[in-house]
Amino acid sequence: MADITLRPFSMADPEALIRWYREDRHGIESFMGTSLPHEVSSTIAFNTLLDKQARGASIFRMVYRNEDPIGFVAVTEISQEDRSGRPHWYVAKDQRRYSMAVARESEREAQRLGFRGFLATIPPSNTTAFKVAKRLGYVEIERILMVKEFTNGRG
């Protein structure tokens, strides 16, 4: 059985992030929730996530199987009031058979950190992530997610 561990980001990890972007840009964009048209935009997105972690607004961990990096996980939109957040998982394409183990380990880590629950959002096109979430015990709620972007401070 593979040993899945979550570790803090280290100076050895950027190489894996760049490799995964090159091999699976769509997967990295799905994780980040935005288009990343080039490696620089991907690097900026990861740096932003790590900066948010430094400010206590997110948690980012690299996922290792034995001694090899196979992905990363994050919790964003952390609520200090009810100790909840929004989970994100990325597992490299050639390691996706470990997706359930990664998701379960990230939930155990969240519980160790005092989280009481997660609210996941999954794009309708990502049927695999939907199936994983269902297997983990997530339930669908009757809500429509809406967004409004402001430009130049105007609605």
Protein backbone atom coordinates (compact mmCIF):
# COMPACT_ATOMS: atom_id res chain seq x y z
CA MET A 1 0.00 0.00 0.00
CA ALA A 2 1.30 3.45 -0.89
CA ASP A 3 2.18 5.82 1.89
CA ILE A 4 0.43 9.14 1.15
CA THR A 5 1.72 12.11 3.13
CA LEU A 6 1.11 15.85 3.04
CA ARG A 7 4.13 18.08 3.45
CA PRO A 8 4.70 21.83 3.52
CA PHE A 9 5.88 23.37 0.26
CA SER A 10 9.68 23.28 -0.06
CA MET A 11 12.29 24.64 -2.45
CA ALA A 12 12.41 21.26 -4.22
CA ASP A 13 8.74 21.43 -5.20
CA PRO A 14 8.54 24.12 -7.95
CA GLU A 15 10.01 21.68 -10.48
CA ALA A 16 7.06 19.31 -10.01
CA LEU A 17 4.54 22.17 -10.27
CA ILE A 18 6.05 23.30 -13.58
CA ARG A 19 6.14 19.72 -14.91
CA TRP A 20 2.48 19.18 -14.02
CA TYR A 21 1.51 22.47 -15.65
CA ARG A 22 3.26 21.38 -18.86
CA GLU A 23 1.66 17.92 -18.77
CA ASP A 24 -1.80 18.86 -17.50
CA ARG A 25 -2.53 22.55 -17.88
CA HIS A 26 -6.28 21.85 -17.82
CA GLY A 27 -5.98 20.07 -14.45
CA ILE A 28 -3.95 22.91 -12.92
CA GLU A 29 -6.47 25.45 -14.26
CA SER A 30 -9.31 23.42 -12.78
CA PHE A 31 -7.57 23.43 -9.39
CA MET A 32 -6.93 27.18 -9.55
CA GLY A 33 -10.36 28.00 -10.99
CA THR A 34 -8.96 30.24 -13.70
CA SER A 35 -7.25 30.22 -17.07
CA LEU A 36 -3.46 30.03 -16.90
CA PRO A 37 -2.26 30.66 -20.45
CA HIS A 38 1.47 30.28 -19.71
CA GLU A 39 3.91 29.04 -17.09
CA VAL A 40 4.40 32.52 -15.66
CA SER A 41 0.68 32.83 -14.91
CA SER A 42 0.80 29.42 -13.25
CA THR A 43 3.76 30.47 -11.11
CA ILE A 44 1.95 33.67 -10.12
CA ALA A 45 -1.14 31.67 -9.14
CA PHE A 46 0.91 29.34 -6.92
CA ASN A 47 2.78 32.27 -5.38
CA THR A 48 -0.54 33.97 -4.62
CA LEU A 49 -1.81 30.80 -2.93
CA LEU A 50 1.40 30.51 -0.89
CA ASP A 51 1.15 34.19 0.05
CA LYS A 52 -2.41 33.61 1.27
CA GLN A 53 -1.10 30.72 3.36
CA ALA A 54 1.52 33.00 4.92
CA ARG A 55 -1.35 35.36 5.90
CA GLY A 56 -3.48 32.51 7.32
CA ALA A 57 -6.08 32.71 4.55
CA SER A 58 -5.31 29.32 2.99
CA ILE A 59 -3.44 26.09 3.57
CA PHE A 60 -1.27 24.50 0.85
CA ARG A 61 0.43 21.12 1.07
CA MET A 62 2.36 19.01 -1.39
CA VAL A 63 1.25 15.39 -1.67
CA TYR A 64 3.89 12.68 -1.62
CA ARG A 65 3.54 8.97 -2.29
CA ASN A 66 6.43 7.43 -0.43
CA GLU A 67 9.20 9.89 -1.43
CA ASP A 68 7.77 11.11 -4.75
CA PRO A 69 5.57 14.19 -5.22
CA ILE A 70 2.27 13.22 -6.85
CA GLY A 71 0.14 16.32 -6.36
CA PHE A 72 -0.95 19.04 -3.98
CA VAL A 73 -3.94 20.03 -1.89
CA ALA A 74 -5.25 23.29 -0.51
CA VAL A 75 -7.96 24.72 1.67
CA THR A 76 -9.17 28.20 0.75
CA GLU A 77 -11.99 30.46 1.91
CA ILE A 78 -11.22 29.48 5.48
CA SER A 79 -13.84 30.52 8.01
CA GLN A 80 -12.36 31.01 11.46
CA GLU A 81 -15.88 31.18 12.95
CA ASP A 82 -17.03 27.69 12.06
CA ARG A 83 -13.62 26.19 11.13
CA SER A 84 -14.65 25.30 7.61
CA GLY A 85 -13.11 25.88 4.22
CA ARG A 86 -13.14 24.99 0.55
CA PRO A 87 -10.98 21.96 -0.36
CA HIS A 88 -8.96 21.58 -3.55
CA TRP A 89 -7.11 18.46 -4.70
CA TYR A 90 -4.74 17.92 -7.59
CA VAL A 91 -3.21 14.55 -8.38
CA ALA A 92 -0.84 14.15 -11.34
CA LYS A 93 -2.41 12.39 -14.32
CA ASP A 94 -0.28 9.25 -14.00
CA GLN A 95 -1.07 9.02 -10.25
CA ARG A 96 -4.84 9.53 -10.28
CA ARG A 97 -5.42 6.02 -8.98
CA TYR A 98 -4.42 7.53 -5.61
CA SER A 99 -7.03 10.30 -5.71
CA MET A 100 -9.21 8.78 -2.98
CA ALA A 101 -6.22 8.23 -0.72
CA VAL A 102 -5.09 11.83 -1.29
CA ALA A 103 -8.56 13.22 -0.56
CA ARG A 104 -8.90 11.10 2.59
CA GLU A 105 -5.46 12.12 3.86
CA SER A 106 -6.26 15.79 3.22
CA GLU A 107 -9.46 15.42 5.25
CA ARG A 108 -7.54 13.77 8.11
CA GLU A 109 -5.04 16.66 8.04
CA ALA A 110 -7.90 19.17 8.09
CA GLN A 111 -9.40 17.45 11.12
CA ARG A 112 -6.00 17.49 12.87
CA LEU A 113 -5.90 21.24 12.19
CA GLY A 114 -9.33 21.67 13.80
CA PHE A 115 -11.55 21.97 10.73
CA ARG A 116 -15.14 20.88 11.20
CA GLY A 117 -16.20 20.62 7.55
CA PHE A 118 -15.69 21.51 3.93
CA LEU A 119 -17.83 23.10 1.23
CA ALA A 120 -16.66 21.80 -2.15
CA THR A 121 -17.43 23.31 -5.53
CA ILE A 122 -16.95 21.11 -8.57
CA PRO A 123 -17.31 22.13 -12.22
CA PRO A 124 -20.11 20.08 -13.86
CA SER A 125 -17.62 18.88 -16.49
CA ASN A 126 -15.38 17.27 -13.86
CA THR A 127 -17.36 14.08 -13.38
CA THR A 128 -14.41 12.26 -11.80
CA ALA A 129 -14.09 14.84 -9.02
CA PHE A 130 -17.85 14.66 -8.50
CA LYS A 131 -17.67 10.87 -8.08
CA VAL A 132 -14.74 11.16 -5.66
CA ALA A 133 -16.62 13.74 -3.58
CA LYS A 134 -19.72 11.53 -3.45
CA ARG A 135 -17.60 8.55 -2.33
CA LEU A 136 -16.09 10.74 0.40
CA GLY A 137 -19.57 11.52 1.72
CA TYR A 138 -20.19 14.98 0.26
CA VAL A 139 -23.84 15.71 -0.44
CA GLU A 140 -25.33 18.06 -3.00
CA ILE A 141 -27.09 21.12 -1.66
CA GLU A 142 -29.87 23.09 -3.35
CA ARG A 143 -28.01 26.24 -4.27
CA ILE A 144 -27.10 28.11 -7.41
CA LEU A 145 -23.64 29.62 -7.31
CA MET A 146 -23.56 33.09 -8.83
CA VAL A 147 -20.81 35.63 -9.34
CA LYS A 148 -20.65 39.29 -10.23
CA GLU A 149 -17.38 40.93 -11.17
CA PHE A 150 -16.83 44.64 -10.70
CA THR A 151 -14.74 46.63 -13.12
CA ASN A 152 -13.26 49.98 -12.18
CA GLY A 153 -15.19 49.92 -8.91
CA ARG A 154 -18.59 49.93 -10.66
CA GLY A 155 -21.30 47.30 -10.67
